[in-house]
Amino acid sequence: MNYENQVCVDACTSCFAICSYCADQCLEKDGMEKCVRHCLDCLEICQTMASLAARGSQNLGAVAAACAEICDACADECEKHGSDHCKACAEACRKCAEECRKLADAHARKAA
C-alpha cells in the first residue's frame, strides 16, 4: 500500500460509494438519466483511481487529472438537484476532485 496517497484513496473510495448510492436512488426518478450517467462514470473512475493510488501507479498523474474532471462534472450535475443523496454526492465528488488534483499536481512537479 502506498500510504502517501492514502487521503486520495479514501476520498475516491468514499466518492465511489456515494455515487453508487446516488445513481441507484436517481434510477427511480423520471428525468434523472443525466445524473445517473454522471454518477456511473464517476464511480468507475474513482474505483480505478483508488486502485492506482493505492499501489502508486506510474500513470497516477494522468488518471488523477481525469478523475478530478469527471468528479467535477458529476458534482455540477448533482448540484442541480435538491435531494439529500445528490447533495451528498456533489460534496463527495468535490472532495475527491480536490484530492485528485493535488495528486496530479504533485506528479506533474515530479516529472518536470
PDB file of N, CA and C in Angstrom:
ATOM      1  N   MET A   1       0.844  -1.186   0.000  1.00  0.00           N
ATOM      2  CA  MET A   1       0.000   0.000   0.000  1.00  0.00           C
ATOM      3  C   MET A   1       0.879   1.235   0.000  1.00  0.00           C
ATOM      4  N   ASN A   2       0.576   2.174  -0.872  1.00  0.00           N
ATOM      5  CA  ASN A   2       1.309   3.428  -0.963  1.00  0.00           C
ATOM      6  C   ASN A   2       0.625   4.445  -0.046  1.00  0.00           C
ATOM      7  N   TYR A   3       1.147   4.593   1.179  1.00  0.00           N
ATOM      8  CA  TYR A   3       0.477   5.397   2.201  1.00  0.00           C
ATOM      9  C   TYR A   3       0.507   6.892   1.928  1.00  0.00           C
ATOM     10  N   GLU A   4       1.428   7.370   1.115  1.00  0.00           N
ATOM     11  CA  GLU A   4       1.448   8.808   0.818  1.00  0.00           C
ATOM     12  C   GLU A   4       0.225   9.219  -0.001  1.00  0.00           C
ATOM     13  N   ASN A   5      -0.429   8.281  -0.610  1.00  0.00           N
ATOM     14  CA  ASN A   5      -1.621   8.558  -1.408  1.00  0.00           C
ATOM     15  C   ASN A   5      -2.919   8.226  -0.670  1.00  0.00           C
ATOM     16  N   GLN A   6      -2.832   7.916   0.609  1.00  0.00           N
ATOM     17  CA  GLN A   6      -3.982   7.408   1.347  1.00  0.00           C
ATOM     18  C   GLN A   6      -5.160   8.370   1.386  1.00  0.00           C
ATOM     19  N   VAL A   7      -4.922   9.657   1.501  1.00  0.00           N
ATOM     20  CA  VAL A   7      -6.024  10.617   1.555  1.00  0.00           C
ATOM     21  C   VAL A   7      -6.815  10.567   0.242  1.00  0.00           C
ATOM     22  N   CYS A   8      -6.100  10.450  -0.861  1.00  0.00           N
ATOM     23  CA  CYS A   8      -6.768  10.357  -2.155  1.00  0.00           C
ATOM     24  C   CYS A   8      -7.514   9.033  -2.290  1.00  0.00           C
ATOM     25  N   VAL A   9      -6.915   7.954  -1.850  1.00  0.00           N
ATOM     26  CA  VAL A   9      -7.585   6.642  -1.880  1.00  0.00           C
ATOM     27  C   VAL A   9      -8.889   6.716  -1.092  1.00  0.00           C
ATOM     28  N   ASP A  10      -8.830   7.294   0.090  1.00  0.00           N
ATOM     29  CA  ASP A  10     -10.027   7.408   0.936  1.00  0.00           C
ATOM     30  C   ASP A  10     -11.105   8.268   0.269  1.00  0.00           C
ATOM     31  N   ALA A  11     -10.704   9.388  -0.320  1.00  0.00           N
ATOM     32  CA  ALA A  11     -11.666  10.263  -0.989  1.00  0.00           C
ATOM     33  C   ALA A  11     -12.308   9.567  -2.181  1.00  0.00           C
ATOM     34  N   CYS A  12     -11.513   8.833  -2.941  1.00  0.00           N
ATOM     35  CA  CYS A  12     -12.037   8.106  -4.104  1.00  0.00           C
ATOM     36  C   CYS A  12     -12.973   6.978  -3.683  1.00  0.00           C
ATOM     37  N   THR A  13     -12.611   6.281  -2.624  1.00  0.00           N
ATOM     38  CA  THR A  13     -13.445   5.181  -2.133  1.00  0.00           C
ATOM     39  C   THR A  13     -14.786   5.701  -1.629  1.00  0.00           C
ATOM     40  N   SER A  14     -14.746   6.788  -0.905  1.00  0.00           N
ATOM     41  CA  SER A  14     -15.970   7.404  -0.410  1.00  0.00           C
ATOM     42  C   SER A  14     -16.835   7.899  -1.569  1.00  0.00           C
ATOM     43  N   CYS A  15     -16.207   8.540  -2.532  1.00  0.00           N
ATOM     44  CA  CYS A  15     -16.930   9.057  -3.695  1.00  0.00           C
ATOM     45  C   CYS A  15     -17.574   7.905  -4.469  1.00  0.00           C
ATOM     46  N   PHE A  16     -16.842   6.824  -4.641  1.00  0.00           N
ATOM     47  CA  PHE A  16     -17.372   5.633  -5.311  1.00  0.00           C
ATOM     48  C   PHE A  16     -18.659   5.163  -4.639  1.00  0.00           C
ATOM     49  N   ALA A  17     -18.621   5.039  -3.321  1.00  0.00           N
ATOM     50  CA  ALA A  17     -19.779   4.540  -2.582  1.00  0.00           C
ATOM     51  C   ALA A  17     -20.963   5.490  -2.668  1.00  0.00           C
ATOM     52  N   ILE A  18     -20.705   6.766  -2.518  1.00  0.00           N
ATOM     53  CA  ILE A  18     -21.797   7.746  -2.535  1.00  0.00           C
ATOM     54  C   ILE A  18     -22.373   7.885  -3.941  1.00  0.00           C
ATOM     55  N   CYS A  19     -21.534   7.856  -4.969  1.00  0.00           N
ATOM     56  CA  CYS A  19     -22.035   7.897  -6.356  1.00  0.00           C
ATOM     57  C   CYS A  19     -22.875   6.661  -6.664  1.00  0.00           C
ATOM     58  N   SER A  20     -22.474   5.525  -6.136  1.00  0.00           N
ATOM     59  CA  SER A  20     -23.245   4.299  -6.344  1.00  0.00           C
ATOM     60  C   SER A  20     -24.646   4.452  -5.759  1.00  0.00           C
ATOM     61  N   TYR A  21     -24.712   4.968  -4.545  1.00  0.00           N
ATOM     62  CA  TYR A  21     -25.996   5.174  -3.889  1.00  0.00           C
ATOM     63  C   TYR A  21     -26.840   6.211  -4.637  1.00  0.00           C
ATOM     64  N   CYS A  22     -26.218   7.305  -5.039  1.00  0.00           N
ATOM     65  CA  CYS A  22     -26.931   8.366  -5.746  1.00  0.00           C
ATOM     66  C   CYS A  22     -27.506   7.833  -7.064  1.00  0.00           C
ATOM     67  N   ALA A  23     -26.701   7.107  -7.816  1.00  0.00           N
ATOM     68  CA  ALA A  23     -27.177   6.545  -9.079  1.00  0.00           C
ATOM     69  C   ALA A  23     -28.366   5.629  -8.839  1.00  0.00           C
ATOM     70  N   ASP A  24     -28.271   4.802  -7.827  1.00  0.00           N
ATOM     71  CA  ASP A  24     -29.354   3.880  -7.512  1.00  0.00           C
ATOM     72  C   ASP A  24     -30.642   4.632  -7.165  1.00  0.00           C
ATOM     73  N   GLN A  25     -30.514   5.671  -6.373  1.00  0.00           N
ATOM     74  CA  GLN A  25     -31.685   6.456  -5.990  1.00  0.00           C
ATOM     75  C   GLN A  25     -32.282   7.206  -7.180  1.00  0.00           C
ATOM     76  N   CYS A  26     -31.428   7.726  -8.039  1.00  0.00           N
ATOM     77  CA  CYS A  26     -31.898   8.511  -9.187  1.00  0.00           C
ATOM     78  C   CYS A  26     -32.508   7.638 -10.281  1.00  0.00           C
ATOM     79  N   LEU A  27     -32.169   6.362 -10.299  1.00  0.00           N
ATOM     80  CA  LEU A  27     -32.777   5.441 -11.277  1.00  0.00           C
ATOM     81  C   LEU A  27     -34.287   5.387 -11.127  1.00  0.00           C
ATOM     82  N   GLU A  28     -34.754   5.624  -9.922  1.00  0.00           N
ATOM     83  CA  GLU A  28     -36.181   5.529  -9.622  1.00  0.00           C
ATOM     84  C   GLU A  28     -36.963   6.785 -10.013  1.00  0.00           C
ATOM     85  N   LYS A  29     -36.261   7.828 -10.449  1.00  0.00           N
ATOM     86  CA  LYS A  29     -36.923   9.106 -10.704  1.00  0.00           C
ATOM     87  C   LYS A  29     -36.871   9.456 -12.191  1.00  0.00           C
ATOM     88  N   ASP A  30     -37.993   9.934 -12.700  1.00  0.00           N
ATOM     89  CA  ASP A  30     -38.042  10.387 -14.094  1.00  0.00           C
ATOM     90  C   ASP A  30     -37.189  11.633 -14.278  1.00  0.00           C
ATOM     91  N   GLY A  31     -36.532  11.717 -15.402  1.00  0.00           N
ATOM     92  CA  GLY A  31     -35.746  12.891 -15.746  1.00  0.00           C
ATOM     93  C   GLY A  31     -34.371  12.950 -15.100  1.00  0.00           C
ATOM     94  N   MET A  32     -33.932  11.868 -14.489  1.00  0.00           N
ATOM     95  CA  MET A  32     -32.644  11.872 -13.793  1.00  0.00           C
ATOM     96  C   MET A  32     -31.569  11.064 -14.530  1.00  0.00           C
ATOM     97  N   GLU A  33     -31.812  10.796 -15.797  1.00  0.00           N
ATOM     98  CA  GLU A  33     -30.881   9.974 -16.565  1.00  0.00           C
ATOM     99  C   GLU A  33     -29.484  10.574 -16.611  1.00  0.00           C
ATOM    100  N   LYS A  34     -29.419  11.888 -16.789  1.00  0.00           N
ATOM    101  CA  LYS A  34     -28.113  12.550 -16.875  1.00  0.00           C
ATOM    102  C   LYS A  34     -27.351  12.417 -15.556  1.00  0.00           C
ATOM    103  N   CYS A  35     -28.054  12.539 -14.460  1.00  0.00           N
ATOM    104  CA  CYS A  35     -27.433  12.382 -13.142  1.00  0.00           C
ATOM    105  C   CYS A  35     -26.893  10.964 -12.983  1.00  0.00           C
ATOM    106  N   VAL A  36     -27.701   9.986 -13.350  1.00  0.00           N
ATOM    107  CA  VAL A  36     -27.281   8.592 -13.239  1.00  0.00           C
ATOM    108  C   VAL A  36     -26.028   8.349 -14.078  1.00  0.00           C
ATOM    109  N   ARG A  37     -26.018   8.842 -15.293  1.00  0.00           N
ATOM    110  CA  ARG A  37     -24.857   8.628 -16.171  1.00  0.00           C
ATOM    111  C   ARG A  37     -23.589   9.252 -15.590  1.00  0.00           C
ATOM    112  N   HIS A  38     -23.711  10.464 -15.069  1.00  0.00           N
ATOM    113  CA  HIS A  38     -22.542  11.105 -14.451  1.00  0.00           C
ATOM    114  C   HIS A  38     -22.061  10.302 -13.250  1.00  0.00           C
ATOM    115  N   CYS A  39     -22.985   9.847 -12.433  1.00  0.00           N
ATOM    116  CA  CYS A  39     -22.609   9.054 -11.256  1.00  0.00           C
ATOM    117  C   CYS A  39     -21.921   7.755 -11.665  1.00  0.00           C
ATOM    118  N   LEU A  40     -22.421   7.098 -12.689  1.00  0.00           N
ATOM    119  CA  LEU A  40     -21.813   5.845 -13.139  1.00  0.00           C
ATOM    120  C   LEU A  40     -20.398   6.078 -13.661  1.00  0.00           C
ATOM    121  N   ASP A  41     -20.204   7.147 -14.435  1.00  0.00           N
ATOM    122  CA  ASP A  41     -18.852   7.475 -14.906  1.00  0.00           C
ATOM    123  C   ASP A  41     -17.932   7.765 -13.733  1.00  0.00           C
ATOM    124  N   CYS A  42     -18.451   8.529 -12.792  1.00  0.00           N
ATOM    125  CA  CYS A  42     -17.647   8.931 -11.646  1.00  0.00           C
ATOM    126  C   CYS A  42     -17.268   7.734 -10.780  1.00  0.00           C
ATOM    127  N   LEU A  43     -18.206   6.867 -10.509  1.00  0.00           N
ATOM    128  CA  LEU A  43     -17.877   5.732  -9.651  1.00  0.00           C
ATOM    129  C   LEU A  43     -16.859   4.810 -10.317  1.00  0.00           C
ATOM    130  N   GLU A  44     -16.913   4.684 -11.634  1.00  0.00           N
ATOM    131  CA  GLU A  44     -15.934   3.841 -12.344  1.00  0.00           C
ATOM    132  C   GLU A  44     -14.524   4.424 -12.245  1.00  0.00           C
ATOM    133  N   ILE A  45     -14.396   5.725 -12.505  1.00  0.00           N
ATOM    134  CA  ILE A  45     -13.060   6.338 -12.466  1.00  0.00           C
ATOM    135  C   ILE A  45     -12.540   6.389 -11.034  1.00  0.00           C
ATOM    136  N   CYS A  46     -13.424   6.581 -10.065  1.00  0.00           N
ATOM    137  CA  CYS A  46     -12.988   6.611  -8.666  1.00  0.00           C
ATOM    138  C   CYS A  46     -12.485   5.249  -8.211  1.00  0.00           C
ATOM    139  N   GLN A  47     -13.146   4.199  -8.640  1.00  0.00           N
ATOM    140  CA  GLN A  47     -12.695   2.855  -8.284  1.00  0.00           C
ATOM    141  C   GLN A  47     -11.312   2.589  -8.884  1.00  0.00           C
ATOM    142  N   THR A  48     -11.138   2.964 -10.135  1.00  0.00           N
ATOM    143  CA  THR A  48      -9.840   2.797 -10.793  1.00  0.00           C
ATOM    144  C   THR A  48      -8.781   3.661 -10.124  1.00  0.00           C
ATOM    145  N   MET A  49      -9.128   4.888  -9.837  1.00  0.00           N
ATOM    146  CA  MET A  49      -8.183   5.821  -9.228  1.00  0.00           C
ATOM    147  C   MET A  49      -7.732   5.321  -7.861  1.00  0.00           C
ATOM    148  N   ALA A  50      -8.654   4.826  -7.056  1.00  0.00           N
ATOM    149  CA  ALA A  50      -8.293   4.308  -5.732  1.00  0.00           C
ATOM    150  C   ALA A  50      -7.302   3.156  -5.856  1.00  0.00           C
ATOM    151  N   SER A  51      -7.528   2.296  -6.808  1.00  0.00           N
ATOM    152  CA  SER A  51      -6.633   1.162  -7.013  1.00  0.00           C
ATOM    153  C   SER A  51      -5.247   1.621  -7.454  1.00  0.00           C
ATOM    154  N   LEU A  52      -5.191   2.535  -8.416  1.00  0.00           N
ATOM    155  CA  LEU A  52      -3.902   3.029  -8.900  1.00  0.00           C
ATOM    156  C   LEU A  52      -3.152   3.804  -7.822  1.00  0.00           C
ATOM    157  N   ALA A  53      -3.879   4.606  -7.059  1.00  0.00           N
ATOM    158  CA  ALA A  53      -3.244   5.392  -5.993  1.00  0.00           C
ATOM    159  C   ALA A  53      -2.720   4.482  -4.889  1.00  0.00           C
ATOM    160  N   ALA A  54      -3.463   3.433  -4.577  1.00  0.00           N
ATOM    161  CA  ALA A  54      -3.042   2.516  -3.516  1.00  0.00           C
ATOM    162  C   ALA A  54      -1.726   1.830  -3.850  1.00  0.00           C
ATOM    163  N   ARG A  55      -1.502   1.567  -5.120  1.00  0.00           N
ATOM    164  CA  ARG A  55      -0.262   0.899  -5.487  1.00  0.00           C
ATOM    165  C   ARG A  55       0.779   1.838  -6.087  1.00  0.00           C
ATOM    166  N   GLY A  56       0.480   3.139  -6.154  1.00  0.00           N
ATOM    167  CA  GLY A  56       1.457   4.110  -6.634  1.00  0.00           C
ATOM    168  C   GLY A  56       1.791   3.944  -8.112  1.00  0.00           C
ATOM    169  N   SER A  57       0.795   3.752  -8.924  1.00  0.00           N
ATOM    170  CA  SER A  57       0.969   3.525 -10.361  1.00  0.00           C
ATOM    171  C   SER A  57       1.766   4.639 -11.032  1.00  0.00           C
ATOM    172  N   GLN A  58       2.509   4.267 -12.049  1.00  0.00           N
ATOM    173  CA  GLN A  58       3.264   5.233 -12.846  1.00  0.00           C
ATOM    174  C   GLN A  58       2.329   6.141 -13.645  1.00  0.00           C
ATOM    175  N   ASN A  59       1.090   5.740 -13.830  1.00  0.00           N
ATOM    176  CA  ASN A  59       0.109   6.522 -14.592  1.00  0.00           C
ATOM    177  C   ASN A  59      -0.802   7.360 -13.701  1.00  0.00           C
ATOM    178  N   LEU A  60      -0.443   7.462 -12.459  1.00  0.00           N
ATOM    179  CA  LEU A  60      -1.288   8.112 -11.473  1.00  0.00           C
ATOM    180  C   LEU A  60      -1.624   9.564 -11.816  1.00  0.00           C
ATOM    181  N   GLY A  61      -0.656  10.318 -12.277  1.00  0.00           N
ATOM    182  CA  GLY A  61      -0.893  11.733 -12.577  1.00  0.00           C
ATOM    183  C   GLY A  61      -1.972  11.938 -13.621  1.00  0.00           C
ATOM    184  N   ALA A  62      -1.900  11.188 -14.693  1.00  0.00           N
ATOM    185  CA  ALA A  62      -2.877  11.327 -15.781  1.00  0.00           C
ATOM    186  C   ALA A  62      -4.269  10.889 -15.334  1.00  0.00           C
ATOM    187  N   VAL A  63      -4.341   9.793 -14.618  1.00  0.00           N
ATOM    188  CA  VAL A  63      -5.643   9.291 -14.168  1.00  0.00           C
ATOM    189  C   VAL A  63      -6.228  10.220 -13.103  1.00  0.00           C
ATOM    190  N   ALA A  64      -5.380  10.755 -12.243  1.00  0.00           N
ATOM    191  CA  ALA A  64      -5.851  11.692 -11.213  1.00  0.00           C
ATOM    192  C   ALA A  64      -6.452  12.940 -11.853  1.00  0.00           C
ATOM    193  N   ALA A  65      -5.836  13.456 -12.890  1.00  0.00           N
ATOM    194  CA  ALA A  65      -6.365  14.634 -13.583  1.00  0.00           C
ATOM    195  C   ALA A  65      -7.719  14.313 -14.219  1.00  0.00           C
ATOM    196  N   ALA A  66      -7.820  13.147 -14.842  1.00  0.00           N
ATOM    197  CA  ALA A  66      -9.089  12.741 -15.452  1.00  0.00           C
ATOM    198  C   ALA A  66     -10.159  12.533 -14.390  1.00  0.00           C
ATOM    199  N   CYS A  67      -9.786  11.928 -13.288  1.00  0.00           N
ATOM    200  CA  CYS A  67     -10.732  11.681 -12.202  1.00  0.00           C
ATOM    201  C   CYS A  67     -11.273  12.999 -11.658  1.00  0.00           C
ATOM    202  N   ALA A  68     -10.411  13.976 -11.468  1.00  0.00           N
ATOM    203  CA  ALA A  68     -10.845  15.284 -10.972  1.00  0.00           C
ATOM    204  C   ALA A  68     -11.861  15.914 -11.920  1.00  0.00           C
ATOM    205  N   GLU A  69     -11.608  15.818 -13.203  1.00  0.00           N
ATOM    206  CA  GLU A  69     -12.508  16.398 -14.203  1.00  0.00           C
ATOM    207  C   GLU A  69     -13.875  15.698 -14.188  1.00  0.00           C
ATOM    208  N   ILE A  70     -13.863  14.382 -14.110  1.00  0.00           N
ATOM    209  CA  ILE A  70     -15.106  13.619 -14.107  1.00  0.00           C
ATOM    210  C   ILE A  70     -15.881  13.847 -12.807  1.00  0.00           C
ATOM    211  N   CYS A  71     -15.175  13.932 -11.693  1.00  0.00           N
ATOM    212  CA  CYS A  71     -15.828  14.220 -10.409  1.00  0.00           C
ATOM    213  C   CYS A  71     -16.469  15.603 -10.415  1.00  0.00           C
ATOM    214  N   ASP A  72     -15.782  16.575 -10.984  1.00  0.00           N
ATOM    215  CA  ASP A  72     -16.355  17.922 -11.069  1.00  0.00           C
ATOM    216  C   ASP A  72     -17.621  17.933 -11.927  1.00  0.00           C
ATOM    217  N   ALA A  73     -17.611  17.195 -13.029  1.00  0.00           N
ATOM    218  CA  ALA A  73     -18.787  17.125 -13.896  1.00  0.00           C
ATOM    219  C   ALA A  73     -19.963  16.486 -13.160  1.00  0.00           C
ATOM    220  N   CYS A  74     -19.676  15.444 -12.395  1.00  0.00           N
ATOM    221  CA  CYS A  74     -20.728  14.784 -11.613  1.00  0.00           C
ATOM    222  C   CYS A  74     -21.271  15.735 -10.551  1.00  0.00           C
ATOM    223  N   ALA A  75     -20.384  16.428  -9.867  1.00  0.00           N
ATOM    224  CA  ALA A  75     -20.814  17.392  -8.846  1.00  0.00           C
ATOM    225  C   ALA A  75     -21.673  18.491  -9.462  1.00  0.00           C
ATOM    226  N   ASP A  76     -21.260  18.990 -10.625  1.00  0.00           N
ATOM    227  CA  ASP A  76     -22.045  20.029 -11.306  1.00  0.00           C
ATOM    228  C   ASP A  76     -23.471  19.556 -11.565  1.00  0.00           C
ATOM    229  N   GLU A  77     -23.607  18.309 -12.018  1.00  0.00           N
ATOM    230  CA  GLU A  77     -24.941  17.769 -12.294  1.00  0.00           C
ATOM    231  C   GLU A  77     -25.723  17.551 -10.995  1.00  0.00           C
ATOM    232  N   CYS A  78     -25.110  16.936 -10.019  1.00  0.00           N
ATOM    233  CA  CYS A  78     -25.817  16.646  -8.767  1.00  0.00           C
ATOM    234  C   CYS A  78     -26.238  17.914  -8.039  1.00  0.00           C
ATOM    235  N   GLU A  79     -25.469  18.975  -8.176  1.00  0.00           N
ATOM    236  CA  GLU A  79     -25.817  20.242  -7.520  1.00  0.00           C
ATOM    237  C   GLU A  79     -27.090  20.865  -8.096  1.00  0.00           C
ATOM    238  N   LYS A  80     -27.536  20.401  -9.241  1.00  0.00           N
ATOM    239  CA  LYS A  80     -28.768  20.910  -9.850  1.00  0.00           C
ATOM    240  C   LYS A  80     -30.017  20.332  -9.185  1.00  0.00           C
ATOM    241  N   HIS A  81     -29.843  19.316  -8.359  1.00  0.00           N
ATOM    242  CA  HIS A  81     -30.975  18.593  -7.778  1.00  0.00           C
ATOM    243  C   HIS A  81     -31.021  18.799  -6.263  1.00  0.00           C
ATOM    244  N   GLY A  82     -32.207  18.786  -5.723  1.00  0.00           N
ATOM    245  CA  GLY A  82     -32.390  19.109  -4.311  1.00  0.00           C
ATOM    246  C   GLY A  82     -32.370  17.939  -3.349  1.00  0.00           C
ATOM    247  N   SER A  83     -32.283  16.729  -3.850  1.00  0.00           N
ATOM    248  CA  SER A  83     -32.343  15.575  -2.952  1.00  0.00           C
ATOM    249  C   SER A  83     -31.089  15.485  -2.090  1.00  0.00           C
ATOM    250  N   ASP A  84     -31.249  14.921  -0.916  1.00  0.00           N
ATOM    251  CA  ASP A  84     -30.124  14.775   0.010  1.00  0.00           C
ATOM    252  C   ASP A  84     -29.010  13.919  -0.572  1.00  0.00           C
ATOM    253  N   HIS A  85     -29.384  12.856  -1.298  1.00  0.00           N
ATOM    254  CA  HIS A  85     -28.350  11.986  -1.855  1.00  0.00           C
ATOM    255  C   HIS A  85     -27.559  12.692  -2.952  1.00  0.00           C
ATOM    256  N   CYS A  86     -28.205  13.554  -3.725  1.00  0.00           N
ATOM    257  CA  CYS A  86     -27.471  14.322  -4.746  1.00  0.00           C
ATOM    258  C   CYS A  86     -26.549  15.355  -4.096  1.00  0.00           C
ATOM    259  N   LYS A  87     -27.012  15.971  -3.024  1.00  0.00           N
ATOM    260  CA  LYS A  87     -26.171  16.929  -2.301  1.00  0.00           C
ATOM    261  C   LYS A  87     -24.942  16.232  -1.716  1.00  0.00           C
ATOM    262  N   ALA A  88     -25.154  15.068  -1.127  1.00  0.00           N
ATOM    263  CA  ALA A  88     -24.038  14.301  -0.560  1.00  0.00           C
ATOM    264  C   ALA A  88     -23.080  13.858  -1.657  1.00  0.00           C
ATOM    265  N   CYS A  89     -23.624  13.475  -2.788  1.00  0.00           N
ATOM    266  CA  CYS A  89     -22.796  13.043  -3.912  1.00  0.00           C
ATOM    267  C   CYS A  89     -21.943  14.210  -4.421  1.00  0.00           C
ATOM    268  N   ALA A  90     -22.559  15.363  -4.585  1.00  0.00           N
ATOM    269  CA  ALA A  90     -21.812  16.534  -5.057  1.00  0.00           C
ATOM    270  C   ALA A  90     -20.677  16.880  -4.099  1.00  0.00           C
ATOM    271  N   GLU A  91     -20.946  16.805  -2.814  1.00  0.00           N
ATOM    272  CA  GLU A  91     -19.924  17.099  -1.806  1.00  0.00           C
ATOM    273  C   GLU A  91     -18.770  16.093  -1.875  1.00  0.00           C
ATOM    274  N   ALA A  92     -19.094  14.825  -1.987  1.00  0.00           N
ATOM    275  CA  ALA A  92     -18.053  13.792  -2.091  1.00  0.00           C
ATOM    276  C   ALA A  92     -17.246  13.951  -3.371  1.00  0.00           C
ATOM    277  N   CYS A  93     -17.923  14.295  -4.445  1.00  0.00           N
ATOM    278  CA  CYS A  93     -17.232  14.498  -5.724  1.00  0.00           C
ATOM    279  C   CYS A  93     -16.271  15.685  -5.657  1.00  0.00           C
ATOM    280  N   ARG A  94     -16.688  16.758  -5.020  1.00  0.00           N
ATOM    281  CA  ARG A  94     -15.808  17.937  -4.894  1.00  0.00           C
ATOM    282  C   ARG A  94     -14.568  17.595  -4.062  1.00  0.00           C
ATOM    283  N   LYS A  95     -14.755  16.860  -2.989  1.00  0.00           N
ATOM    284  CA  LYS A  95     -13.627  16.460  -2.136  1.00  0.00           C
ATOM    285  C   LYS A  95     -12.676  15.550  -2.925  1.00  0.00           C
ATOM    286  N   CYS A  96     -13.237  14.610  -3.640  1.00  0.00           N
ATOM    287  CA  CYS A  96     -12.419  13.691  -4.425  1.00  0.00           C
ATOM    288  C   CYS A  96     -11.658  14.455  -5.516  1.00  0.00           C
ATOM    289  N   ALA A  97     -12.332  15.350  -6.200  1.00  0.00           N
ATOM    290  CA  ALA A  97     -11.677  16.138  -7.247  1.00  0.00           C
ATOM    291  C   ALA A  97     -10.510  16.938  -6.678  1.00  0.00           C
ATOM    292  N   GLU A  98     -10.713  17.515  -5.506  1.00  0.00           N
ATOM    293  CA  GLU A  98      -9.657  18.294  -4.847  1.00  0.00           C
ATOM    294  C   GLU A  98      -8.439  17.423  -4.547  1.00  0.00           C
ATOM    295  N   GLU A  99      -8.675  16.253  -3.980  1.00  0.00           N
ATOM    296  CA  GLU A  99      -7.559  15.357  -3.643  1.00  0.00           C
ATOM    297  C   GLU A  99      -6.870  14.819  -4.895  1.00  0.00           C
ATOM    298  N   CYS A 100      -7.647  14.531  -5.915  1.00  0.00           N
ATOM    299  CA  CYS A 100      -7.052  14.052  -7.172  1.00  0.00           C
ATOM    300  C   CYS A 100      -6.210  15.141  -7.838  1.00  0.00           C
ATOM    301  N   ARG A 101      -6.675  16.391  -7.794  1.00  0.00           N
ATOM    302  CA  ARG A 101      -5.890  17.492  -8.356  1.00  0.00           C
ATOM    303  C   ARG A 101      -4.565  17.663  -7.616  1.00  0.00           C
ATOM    304  N   LYS A 102      -4.605  17.525  -6.300  1.00  0.00           N
ATOM    305  CA  LYS A 102      -3.366  17.618  -5.515  1.00  0.00           C
ATOM    306  C   LYS A 102      -2.376  16.545  -5.962  1.00  0.00           C
ATOM    307  N   LEU A 103      -2.868  15.337  -6.129  1.00  0.00           N
ATOM    308  CA  LEU A 103      -2.024  14.230  -6.551  1.00  0.00           C
ATOM    309  C   LEU A 103      -1.503  14.436  -7.974  1.00  0.00           C
ATOM    310  N   ALA A 104      -2.362  14.880  -8.857  1.00  0.00           N
ATOM    311  CA  ALA A 104      -1.953  15.148 -10.244  1.00  0.00           C
ATOM    312  C   ALA A 104      -0.882  16.233 -10.284  1.00  0.00           C
ATOM    313  N   ASP A 105      -1.072  17.288  -9.504  1.00  0.00           N
ATOM    314  CA  ASP A 105      -0.085  18.372  -9.446  1.00  0.00           C
ATOM    315  C   ASP A 105       1.249  17.888  -8.898  1.00  0.00           C
ATOM    316  N   ALA A 106       1.209  17.062  -7.862  1.00  0.00           N
ATOM    317  CA  ALA A 106       2.423  16.520  -7.273  1.00  0.00           C
ATOM    318  C   ALA A 106       3.176  15.664  -8.297  1.00  0.00           C
ATOM    319  N   HIS A 107       2.462  14.879  -9.052  1.00  0.00           N
ATOM    320  CA  HIS A 107       3.109  14.038 -10.068  1.00  0.00           C
ATOM    321  C   HIS A 107       3.657  14.870 -11.223  1.00  0.00           C
ATOM    322  N   ALA A 108       2.968  15.945 -11.558  1.00  0.00           N
ATOM    323  CA  ALA A 108       3.447  16.837 -12.621  1.00  0.00           C
ATOM    324  C   ALA A 108       4.754  17.513 -12.191  1.00  0.00           C
ATOM    325  N   ARG A 109       4.835  17.910 -10.907  1.00  0.00           N
ATOM    326  CA  ARG A 109       6.053  18.546 -10.410  1.00  0.00           C
ATOM    327  C   ARG A 109       7.220  17.549 -10.406  1.00  0.00           C
ATOM    328  N   LYS A 110       6.949  16.283 -10.063  1.00  0.00           N
ATOM    329  CA  LYS A 110       7.995  15.267 -10.063  1.00  0.00           C
ATOM    330  C   LYS A 110       8.513  15.014 -11.465  1.00  0.00           C
ATOM    331  N   ALA A 111       7.623  15.063 -12.452  1.00  0.00           N
ATOM    332  CA  ALA A 111       8.000  14.786 -13.832  1.00  0.00           C
ATOM    333  C   ALA A 111       8.786  15.933 -14.454  1.00  0.00           C
ATOM    334  N   ALA A 112       8.604  17.136 -13.929  1.00  0.00           N
ATOM    335  CA  ALA A 112       9.255  18.326 -14.512  1.00  0.00           C
ATOM    336  C   ALA A 112      10.724  18.423 -14.152  1.00  0.00           C
TER     337      ALA A 112
END
